[in-house]
Amino acid sequence: MYSYKVVEVREKMLGGKMSGDKLEDLLNEHARQGWRLKAITSAEIKGRVGPGGVEGLLVTFEREG
């Protein structure tokens, strides 16, 4: 049996411009907790304020258990 976790990633959450290094840090942080990358999807993610969304990523992880 697998568990899944989806993380919404916006540039703001990474402290400014999205970069490979910052995404790599996020992936390694979850890997240390036993999560394995399943998929990365580009998406418009709804913000907390206002009707529009912002460009971001949906990062899907899986792990057994």
N, C-alpha and C. Protein backbone atom coordinates (compact mmCIF):
# COMPACT_ATOMS: atom_id res chain seq x y z
N MET A 1 0.84 -1.18 0.00
CA MET A 1 0.00 0.00 0.00
C MET A 1 0.89 1.25 0.00
N TYR A 2 0.48 2.24 -0.78
CA TYR A 2 1.25 3.49 -0.89
C TYR A 2 0.48 4.66 -0.29
N SER A 3 1.21 5.62 0.20
CA SER A 3 0.65 6.90 0.63
C SER A 3 1.16 7.94 -0.35
N TYR A 4 0.35 8.97 -0.58
CA TYR A 4 0.72 10.02 -1.51
C TYR A 4 0.64 11.38 -0.83
N LYS A 5 1.48 12.29 -1.27
CA LYS A 5 1.52 13.64 -0.74
C LYS A 5 1.73 14.58 -1.92
N VAL A 6 0.89 15.62 -2.01
CA VAL A 6 1.02 16.61 -3.08
C VAL A 6 1.39 17.94 -2.45
N VAL A 7 2.48 18.52 -2.93
CA VAL A 7 2.97 19.79 -2.41
C VAL A 7 2.81 20.85 -3.49
N GLU A 8 2.13 21.96 -3.15
CA GLU A 8 2.00 23.10 -4.06
C GLU A 8 3.23 23.97 -3.89
N VAL A 9 3.92 24.24 -4.97
CA VAL A 9 5.13 25.05 -4.90
C VAL A 9 4.94 26.31 -5.73
N ARG A 10 5.02 27.46 -5.07
CA ARG A 10 4.98 28.75 -5.75
C ARG A 10 6.34 29.39 -5.55
N GLU A 11 6.68 30.30 -6.43
CA GLU A 11 7.98 30.97 -6.31
C GLU A 11 8.16 31.57 -4.93
N LYS A 12 7.10 32.18 -4.39
CA LYS A 12 7.19 32.81 -3.07
C LYS A 12 7.60 31.81 -1.99
N MET A 13 7.10 30.59 -2.10
CA MET A 13 7.41 29.57 -1.09
C MET A 13 8.88 29.18 -1.12
N LEU A 14 9.54 29.39 -2.26
CA LEU A 14 10.95 29.04 -2.38
C LEU A 14 11.84 30.25 -2.09
N GLY A 15 11.23 31.35 -1.65
CA GLY A 15 12.02 32.52 -1.31
C GLY A 15 12.48 33.30 -2.51
N GLY A 16 11.57 33.53 -3.45
CA GLY A 16 11.94 34.30 -4.63
C GLY A 16 11.88 33.44 -5.87
N LYS A 17 12.78 33.69 -6.77
CA LYS A 17 12.80 32.97 -8.04
C LYS A 17 12.94 31.46 -7.83
N MET A 18 12.14 30.72 -8.59
CA MET A 18 12.24 29.27 -8.53
C MET A 18 13.53 28.86 -9.24
N SER A 19 14.30 28.00 -8.63
CA SER A 19 15.54 27.55 -9.25
C SER A 19 15.69 26.06 -9.05
N GLY A 20 16.57 25.48 -9.84
CA GLY A 20 16.83 24.05 -9.71
C GLY A 20 17.34 23.70 -8.33
N ASP A 21 18.22 24.55 -7.78
CA ASP A 21 18.78 24.28 -6.46
C ASP A 21 17.70 24.25 -5.39
N LYS A 22 16.77 25.20 -5.46
CA LYS A 22 15.71 25.27 -4.44
C LYS A 22 14.76 24.09 -4.58
N LEU A 23 14.45 23.71 -5.81
CA LEU A 23 13.59 22.55 -6.01
C LEU A 23 14.30 21.28 -5.54
N GLU A 24 15.60 21.19 -5.80
CA GLU A 24 16.39 20.05 -5.36
C GLU A 24 16.38 19.95 -3.83
N ASP A 25 16.49 21.08 -3.15
CA ASP A 25 16.43 21.08 -1.68
C ASP A 25 15.10 20.53 -1.19
N LEU A 26 14.00 20.96 -1.84
CA LEU A 26 12.67 20.48 -1.46
C LEU A 26 12.57 18.97 -1.66
N LEU A 27 13.06 18.47 -2.80
CA LEU A 27 13.00 17.04 -3.09
C LEU A 27 13.83 16.24 -2.08
N ASN A 28 15.03 16.72 -1.78
CA ASN A 28 15.90 16.01 -0.83
C ASN A 28 15.32 16.01 0.58
N GLU A 29 14.67 17.11 0.95
CA GLU A 29 14.03 17.19 2.28
C GLU A 29 12.96 16.10 2.41
N HIS A 30 12.14 15.93 1.38
CA HIS A 30 11.10 14.90 1.43
C HIS A 30 11.71 13.50 1.32
N ALA A 31 12.78 13.35 0.56
CA ALA A 31 13.43 12.04 0.43
C ALA A 31 13.94 11.57 1.79
N ARG A 32 14.46 12.50 2.59
CA ARG A 32 14.94 12.14 3.93
C ARG A 32 13.82 11.61 4.82
N GLN A 33 12.57 12.01 4.50
CA GLN A 33 11.41 11.54 5.26
C GLN A 33 10.79 10.29 4.65
N GLY A 34 11.47 9.73 3.62
CA GLY A 34 11.01 8.49 3.02
C GLY A 34 10.12 8.66 1.81
N TRP A 35 9.91 9.89 1.35
CA TRP A 35 9.07 10.13 0.18
C TRP A 35 9.89 10.00 -1.10
N ARG A 36 9.26 9.47 -2.14
CA ARG A 36 9.89 9.33 -3.45
C ARG A 36 9.09 10.16 -4.45
N LEU A 37 9.79 10.90 -5.30
CA LEU A 37 9.13 11.73 -6.29
C LEU A 37 8.34 10.87 -7.26
N LYS A 38 7.08 11.22 -7.47
CA LYS A 38 6.22 10.50 -8.41
C LYS A 38 6.00 11.34 -9.67
N ALA A 39 5.73 12.65 -9.50
CA ALA A 39 5.46 13.49 -10.67
C ALA A 39 5.63 14.96 -10.30
N ILE A 40 5.97 15.77 -11.31
CA ILE A 40 5.96 17.22 -11.17
C ILE A 40 5.09 17.75 -12.30
N THR A 41 4.08 18.54 -11.94
CA THR A 41 3.13 19.07 -12.91
C THR A 41 3.08 20.58 -12.80
N SER A 42 3.17 21.27 -13.92
CA SER A 42 3.01 22.71 -13.94
C SER A 42 1.52 23.01 -13.82
N ALA A 43 1.18 24.00 -12.98
CA ALA A 43 -0.24 24.29 -12.76
C ALA A 43 -0.43 25.74 -12.35
N GLU A 44 -1.65 26.22 -12.55
CA GLU A 44 -2.01 27.52 -12.00
C GLU A 44 -2.58 27.24 -10.62
N ILE A 45 -1.93 27.78 -9.59
CA ILE A 45 -2.31 27.49 -8.22
C ILE A 45 -3.03 28.70 -7.64
N LYS A 46 -4.20 28.47 -7.08
CA LYS A 46 -4.97 29.57 -6.52
C LYS A 46 -4.24 30.18 -5.34
N GLY A 47 -4.21 31.51 -5.32
CA GLY A 47 -3.62 32.23 -4.20
C GLY A 47 -4.64 32.43 -3.10
N ARG A 48 -4.20 32.88 -1.97
CA ARG A 48 -5.10 33.11 -0.85
C ARG A 48 -5.92 34.39 -1.05
N VAL A 49 -5.36 35.34 -1.80
CA VAL A 49 -6.03 36.61 -2.00
C VAL A 49 -6.29 36.81 -3.47
N GLY A 50 -7.48 37.25 -3.82
CA GLY A 50 -7.79 37.57 -5.20
C GLY A 50 -8.29 36.38 -5.98
N PRO A 51 -8.91 36.68 -7.13
CA PRO A 51 -9.54 35.62 -7.92
C PRO A 51 -8.57 34.82 -8.77
N GLY A 52 -7.42 35.39 -9.13
CA GLY A 52 -6.50 34.72 -10.05
C GLY A 52 -5.65 33.67 -9.38
N GLY A 53 -4.83 33.05 -10.18
CA GLY A 53 -3.88 32.08 -9.67
C GLY A 53 -2.48 32.49 -10.06
N VAL A 54 -1.53 31.75 -9.59
CA VAL A 54 -0.14 32.01 -9.94
C VAL A 54 0.46 30.74 -10.52
N GLU A 55 1.44 30.92 -11.40
CA GLU A 55 2.12 29.76 -11.96
C GLU A 55 2.88 29.04 -10.85
N GLY A 56 2.80 27.77 -10.84
CA GLY A 56 3.52 27.01 -9.84
C GLY A 56 3.63 25.56 -10.26
N LEU A 57 4.05 24.75 -9.33
CA LEU A 57 4.23 23.32 -9.58
C LEU A 57 3.44 22.53 -8.55
N LEU A 58 2.90 21.42 -8.97
CA LEU A 58 2.35 20.43 -8.05
C LEU A 58 3.36 19.29 -8.05
N VAL A 59 3.95 19.04 -6.90
CA VAL A 59 4.96 17.99 -6.76
C VAL A 59 4.33 16.83 -6.00
N THR A 60 4.24 15.68 -6.64
CA THR A 60 3.60 14.51 -6.03
C THR A 60 4.65 13.51 -5.58
N PHE A 61 4.53 13.11 -4.32
CA PHE A 61 5.45 12.12 -3.72
C PHE A 61 4.66 10.88 -3.35
N GLU A 62 5.36 9.75 -3.27
CA GLU A 62 4.75 8.52 -2.77
C GLU A 62 5.73 7.81 -1.86
N ARG A 63 5.18 7.02 -0.95
CA ARG A 63 6.00 6.14 -0.13
C ARG A 63 5.15 4.96 0.31
N GLU A 64 5.82 3.88 0.60
CA GLU A 64 5.10 2.69 1.06
C GLU A 64 4.71 2.87 2.52
N GLY A 65 3.55 2.32 2.84
CA GLY A 65 3.15 2.34 4.24
C GLY A 65 1.95 3.12 4.55
